[in-house]
Amino acid sequence: MINAVHTLIYSTDPVATRRFFKKVLRWPYVTEGSTDEPEEWLIFRTGPSEIGVHPTRGPGGETWGPEGQHQIALMCDDLPSTMKELESRGAHFDGKPEEMGFGVGIDLPVAAAGKILLYEARHPVAFDL
């Protein structure tokens, strides 16, 4: 049966992106290579996860996301302290935290791979069921 979710992140510079996950987020990893350097094919443990299914359009007809496109979001318990810790490791953020209805969030640029939403959930969570 299904035992995990494997998320793919496409990057224009995979070494820089892997370095971000290794050095800034400090996620544990395994490697298919002979070393544990970002030049190798590192596979990161992301921890608990959950999937929410969202409509592509909002109640007013506004586009929330195109069909077939998916979003990665990182959840935390305390957004300000998480931001502070990640900034001390070299991360930066786009804008200021915003109330998003389901929580407070901010975009976290990932080296050579776009942005990932970082948010403090204000909704029931399923990842610890």
Foldseek 3Di string as FASTA:
>chain_A
DDDDDADDFDFPDQQQLQCCCCQQVVFDWDFPDPDPHSVTDTGGDPAFDDDDDDDQADPVRHGPHDPPDDAAAAEDADVVVSQVSSVVRPWDWDDDWDQDPQFTWTWTQGPRGGTHIYTYGPDDDDRVD
